[in-house]
């Protein structure tokens, strides 16, 4: 008997929701920095930029683990979760790309 794994079930797993939580934390850092300091072009990036970079880079190993672990079990549901994770990451990258370049 095989069990049907759905996308909401996969989102309850740490590897399912952690990349999105990291993306939203990074977005919060960007928005707070913008609210406090505005758009600044500094020679040193500062702590906020370094934390943002760590959060964004830290998502990759979790997403790879998720793909290795969940794609063989439930391909369709896993692809939906991966699409949500990618959308969350792009939602964080967009304001940084638009405002700081």
N, C-alpha and C. Protein backbone atom coordinates (compact mmCIF):
# COMPACT_ATOMS: atom_id res chain seq x y z
N UNK A 1 0.84 -1.18 0.00
CA UNK A 1 0.00 0.00 0.00
C UNK A 1 0.89 1.25 0.00
N UNK A 2 0.69 2.10 -0.98
CA UNK A 2 1.47 3.33 -1.06
C UNK A 2 0.66 4.48 -0.48
N UNK A 3 1.35 5.38 0.15
CA UNK A 3 0.67 6.54 0.72
C UNK A 3 0.79 7.70 -0.24
N UNK A 4 -0.24 8.50 -0.30
CA UNK A 4 -0.26 9.67 -1.16
C UNK A 4 0.34 10.85 -0.39
N UNK A 5 1.43 11.37 -0.89
CA UNK A 5 2.10 12.50 -0.24
C UNK A 5 1.71 13.76 -1.01
N UNK A 6 1.16 14.73 -0.30
CA UNK A 6 0.73 15.97 -0.95
C UNK A 6 1.71 17.10 -0.63
N UNK A 7 1.59 18.17 -1.38
CA UNK A 7 2.45 19.33 -1.16
C UNK A 7 2.28 19.91 0.24
N UNK A 8 1.05 20.06 0.78
CA UNK A 8 0.93 20.55 2.16
C UNK A 8 1.62 19.65 3.19
N UNK A 9 1.62 18.35 2.93
CA UNK A 9 2.33 17.44 3.84
C UNK A 9 3.83 17.68 3.78
N UNK A 10 4.35 17.92 2.57
CA UNK A 10 5.79 18.17 2.42
C UNK A 10 6.18 19.52 3.01
N UNK A 11 5.26 20.48 2.99
CA UNK A 11 5.56 21.79 3.56
C UNK A 11 5.66 21.75 5.07
N UNK A 12 5.16 20.70 5.69
CA UNK A 12 5.27 20.55 7.14
C UNK A 12 6.62 19.97 7.55
N UNK A 13 7.35 19.42 6.60
CA UNK A 13 8.68 18.87 6.87
C UNK A 13 9.69 20.03 6.92
N UNK A 14 10.71 19.93 7.77
CA UNK A 14 11.69 21.03 7.88
C UNK A 14 12.34 21.41 6.55
N UNK A 15 12.70 20.43 5.74
CA UNK A 15 13.32 20.75 4.45
C UNK A 15 12.33 21.38 3.48
N UNK A 16 11.04 21.29 3.77
CA UNK A 16 10.03 21.91 2.92
C UNK A 16 9.81 23.37 3.25
N UNK A 17 9.75 23.69 4.54
CA UNK A 17 9.44 25.07 4.92
C UNK A 17 10.67 25.90 5.27
N UNK A 18 11.78 25.28 5.61
CA UNK A 18 12.95 26.03 6.04
C UNK A 18 13.50 26.99 4.98
N UNK A 19 13.63 26.59 3.70
CA UNK A 19 14.10 27.56 2.71
C UNK A 19 13.18 28.78 2.58
N UNK A 20 11.88 28.57 2.68
CA UNK A 20 10.96 29.71 2.59
C UNK A 20 11.06 30.59 3.83
N UNK A 21 11.25 29.99 4.99
CA UNK A 21 11.44 30.77 6.21
C UNK A 21 12.73 31.58 6.13
N UNK A 22 13.76 31.00 5.56
CA UNK A 22 15.02 31.73 5.38
C UNK A 22 14.84 32.88 4.39
N UNK A 23 14.07 32.66 3.34
CA UNK A 23 13.81 33.72 2.36
C UNK A 23 13.05 34.88 3.00
N UNK A 24 12.03 34.56 3.76
CA UNK A 24 11.24 35.62 4.39
C UNK A 24 12.04 36.36 5.46
N UNK A 25 12.94 35.65 6.14
CA UNK A 25 13.84 36.31 7.09
C UNK A 25 14.77 37.27 6.34
N UNK A 26 15.31 36.82 5.22
CA UNK A 26 16.18 37.68 4.42
C UNK A 26 15.42 38.88 3.88
N UNK A 27 14.17 38.68 3.47
CA UNK A 27 13.35 39.81 3.01
C UNK A 27 13.10 40.80 4.14
N UNK A 28 12.86 40.29 5.33
CA UNK A 28 12.67 41.17 6.49
C UNK A 28 13.92 41.99 6.75
N UNK A 29 15.08 41.38 6.63
CA UNK A 29 16.34 42.10 6.84
C UNK A 29 16.47 43.23 5.81
N UNK A 30 16.14 42.94 4.56
CA UNK A 30 16.22 43.97 3.51
C UNK A 30 15.25 45.11 3.81
N UNK A 31 14.02 44.78 4.16
CA UNK A 31 13.02 45.82 4.40
C UNK A 31 13.35 46.66 5.63
N UNK A 32 13.84 46.03 6.69
CA UNK A 32 14.23 46.79 7.88
C UNK A 32 15.41 47.69 7.57
N UNK A 33 16.38 47.18 6.83
CA UNK A 33 17.53 48.00 6.47
C UNK A 33 17.11 49.18 5.61
N UNK A 34 16.20 48.95 4.67
CA UNK A 34 15.69 50.05 3.84
C UNK A 34 14.93 51.07 4.68
N UNK A 35 14.14 50.60 5.62
CA UNK A 35 13.36 51.51 6.47
C UNK A 35 14.26 52.35 7.36
N UNK A 36 15.33 51.76 7.86
CA UNK A 36 16.20 52.48 8.79
C UNK A 36 17.20 53.38 8.07
N UNK A 37 17.79 52.89 6.98
CA UNK A 37 18.90 53.60 6.36
C UNK A 37 18.64 54.04 4.93
N UNK A 38 17.59 53.55 4.29
CA UNK A 38 17.34 53.88 2.90
C UNK A 38 18.31 53.13 2.00
N UNK A 39 18.31 53.51 0.74
CA UNK A 39 19.23 52.89 -0.22
C UNK A 39 20.57 53.57 -0.10
N UNK A 40 21.56 52.82 0.32
CA UNK A 40 22.91 53.35 0.48
C UNK A 40 23.89 52.49 -0.30
N UNK A 41 24.86 53.14 -0.90
CA UNK A 41 25.92 52.42 -1.61
C UNK A 41 27.20 52.65 -0.83
N UNK A 42 27.56 51.65 -0.02
CA UNK A 42 28.71 51.76 0.85
C UNK A 42 29.85 50.91 0.30
N UNK A 43 31.07 51.25 0.73
CA UNK A 43 32.21 50.43 0.31
C UNK A 43 32.18 49.08 1.02
N UNK A 44 31.82 49.10 2.31
CA UNK A 44 31.65 47.85 3.05
C UNK A 44 30.17 47.52 3.08
N UNK A 45 29.84 46.28 2.80
CA UNK A 45 28.44 45.90 2.69
C UNK A 45 27.69 45.99 4.01
N UNK A 46 28.34 45.69 5.10
CA UNK A 46 27.68 45.75 6.39
C UNK A 46 27.12 44.40 6.82
N UNK A 47 26.70 44.35 8.08
CA UNK A 47 26.23 43.10 8.67
C UNK A 47 24.94 42.61 8.02
N UNK A 48 24.03 43.53 7.71
CA UNK A 48 22.75 43.12 7.11
C UNK A 48 22.98 42.40 5.79
N UNK A 49 23.87 42.90 4.98
CA UNK A 49 24.15 42.26 3.68
C UNK A 49 24.79 40.89 3.88
N UNK A 50 25.67 40.78 4.86
CA UNK A 50 26.32 39.49 5.10
C UNK A 50 25.33 38.45 5.61
N UNK A 51 24.43 38.85 6.49
CA UNK A 51 23.41 37.93 6.98
C UNK A 51 22.49 37.52 5.83
N UNK A 52 22.12 38.49 4.99
CA UNK A 52 21.29 38.19 3.82
C UNK A 52 21.97 37.15 2.93
N UNK A 53 23.26 37.34 2.67
CA UNK A 53 24.00 36.42 1.82
C UNK A 53 24.06 35.03 2.44
N UNK A 54 24.27 34.96 3.74
CA UNK A 54 24.32 33.66 4.41
C UNK A 54 22.97 32.95 4.35
N UNK A 55 21.90 33.70 4.55
CA UNK A 55 20.57 33.10 4.48
C UNK A 55 20.26 32.59 3.08
N UNK A 56 20.60 33.37 2.08
CA UNK A 56 20.29 32.96 0.71
C UNK A 56 21.16 31.77 0.29
N UNK A 57 22.43 31.78 0.65
CA UNK A 57 23.31 30.67 0.29
C UNK A 57 22.98 29.42 1.12
N UNK A 58 22.55 29.61 2.34
CA UNK A 58 22.21 28.49 3.21
C UNK A 58 20.99 27.71 2.74
N UNK A 59 20.17 28.33 1.92
CA UNK A 59 18.99 27.63 1.40
C UNK A 59 19.36 26.52 0.43
N UNK A 60 20.43 26.70 -0.29
CA UNK A 60 20.77 25.76 -1.36
C UNK A 60 20.98 24.34 -0.85
N UNK A 61 21.78 24.10 0.19
CA UNK A 61 21.95 22.72 0.65
C UNK A 61 20.63 22.10 1.14
N UNK A 62 19.78 22.91 1.75
CA UNK A 62 18.50 22.40 2.23
C UNK A 62 17.61 22.03 1.04
N UNK A 63 17.61 22.85 0.01
CA UNK A 63 16.81 22.56 -1.18
C UNK A 63 17.33 21.32 -1.90
N UNK A 64 18.64 21.16 -1.98
CA UNK A 64 19.22 19.98 -2.61
C UNK A 64 18.86 18.73 -1.81
N UNK A 65 18.95 18.81 -0.49
CA UNK A 65 18.54 17.69 0.34
C UNK A 65 17.07 17.35 0.10
N UNK A 66 16.23 18.37 0.03
CA UNK A 66 14.81 18.16 -0.22
C UNK A 66 14.59 17.45 -1.55
N UNK A 67 15.30 17.90 -2.58
CA UNK A 67 15.16 17.27 -3.90
C UNK A 67 15.58 15.81 -3.88
N UNK A 68 16.71 15.53 -3.25
CA UNK A 68 17.21 14.16 -3.20
C UNK A 68 16.27 13.27 -2.41
N UNK A 69 15.74 13.79 -1.33
CA UNK A 69 14.91 13.00 -0.43
C UNK A 69 13.47 12.83 -0.93
N UNK A 70 12.88 13.90 -1.46
CA UNK A 70 11.44 13.89 -1.73
C UNK A 70 11.05 13.71 -3.19
N UNK A 71 11.90 14.07 -4.14
CA UNK A 71 11.52 13.91 -5.55
C UNK A 71 11.23 12.46 -5.92
N UNK A 72 12.03 11.49 -5.48
CA UNK A 72 11.69 10.10 -5.83
C UNK A 72 10.39 9.61 -5.17
N UNK A 73 10.08 10.12 -3.99
CA UNK A 73 8.87 9.68 -3.27
C UNK A 73 7.60 10.25 -3.87
N UNK A 74 7.60 11.55 -4.10
CA UNK A 74 6.39 12.25 -4.57
C UNK A 74 6.81 13.34 -5.54
N UNK A 75 7.04 13.00 -6.79
CA UNK A 75 7.57 13.99 -7.74
C UNK A 75 6.70 15.22 -7.93
N UNK A 76 5.41 15.04 -8.10
CA UNK A 76 4.54 16.19 -8.38
C UNK A 76 4.45 17.12 -7.17
N UNK A 77 4.24 16.59 -6.00
CA UNK A 77 4.15 17.40 -4.80
C UNK A 77 5.49 18.08 -4.50
N UNK A 78 6.59 17.36 -4.70
CA UNK A 78 7.91 17.93 -4.45
C UNK A 78 8.21 19.07 -5.41
N UNK A 79 7.79 18.94 -6.66
CA UNK A 79 8.01 20.03 -7.62
C UNK A 79 7.21 21.27 -7.25
N UNK A 80 6.00 21.10 -6.72
CA UNK A 80 5.23 22.25 -6.25
C UNK A 80 5.93 22.96 -5.10
N UNK A 81 6.45 22.18 -4.17
CA UNK A 81 7.16 22.77 -3.02
C UNK A 81 8.43 23.47 -3.50
N UNK A 82 9.16 22.84 -4.43
CA UNK A 82 10.36 23.47 -4.97
C UNK A 82 10.03 24.76 -5.71
N UNK A 83 8.91 24.79 -6.41
CA UNK A 83 8.48 26.02 -7.08
C UNK A 83 8.18 27.11 -6.07
N UNK A 84 7.55 26.77 -4.96
CA UNK A 84 7.29 27.75 -3.90
C UNK A 84 8.59 28.26 -3.29
N UNK A 85 9.53 27.35 -3.06
CA UNK A 85 10.82 27.75 -2.51
C UNK A 85 11.56 28.68 -3.47
N UNK A 86 11.53 28.37 -4.74
CA UNK A 86 12.18 29.22 -5.74
C UNK A 86 11.50 30.58 -5.84
N UNK A 87 10.18 30.60 -5.80
CA UNK A 87 9.44 31.87 -5.84
C UNK A 87 9.78 32.73 -4.64
N UNK A 88 9.89 32.12 -3.47
CA UNK A 88 10.25 32.88 -2.27
C UNK A 88 11.66 33.46 -2.40
N UNK A 89 12.59 32.67 -2.93
CA UNK A 89 13.96 33.17 -3.11
C UNK A 89 14.00 34.31 -4.12
N UNK A 90 13.26 34.18 -5.21
CA UNK A 90 13.23 35.25 -6.22
C UNK A 90 12.57 36.51 -5.68
N UNK A 91 11.58 36.35 -4.80
CA UNK A 91 10.93 37.50 -4.19
C UNK A 91 11.89 38.28 -3.30
N UNK A 92 12.90 37.62 -2.78
CA UNK A 92 13.90 38.30 -1.95
C UNK A 92 15.00 38.91 -2.81
N UNK A 93 15.36 38.23 -3.87
CA UNK A 93 16.44 38.72 -4.73
C UNK A 93 15.99 39.95 -5.52
N UNK A 94 14.73 40.00 -5.92
CA UNK A 94 14.23 41.09 -6.77
C UNK A 94 14.44 42.47 -6.17
N UNK A 95 14.04 42.74 -4.91
CA UNK A 95 14.24 44.10 -4.40
C UNK A 95 15.72 44.46 -4.27
N UNK A 96 16.54 43.50 -3.91
CA UNK A 96 17.97 43.79 -3.80
C UNK A 96 18.54 44.12 -5.16
N UNK A 97 18.16 43.36 -6.16
CA UNK A 97 18.65 43.60 -7.52
C UNK A 97 18.16 44.95 -8.04
N UNK A 98 16.88 45.25 -7.79
CA UNK A 98 16.32 46.49 -8.30
C UNK A 98 16.84 47.73 -7.59
N UNK A 99 17.05 47.64 -6.29
CA UNK A 99 17.42 48.82 -5.52
C UNK A 99 18.92 49.08 -5.43
N UNK A 100 19.71 48.04 -5.48
CA UNK A 100 21.14 48.24 -5.23
C UNK A 100 22.02 48.17 -6.45
N UNK A 101 21.46 47.93 -7.60
CA UNK A 101 22.32 47.90 -8.80
C UNK A 101 22.23 49.19 -9.56
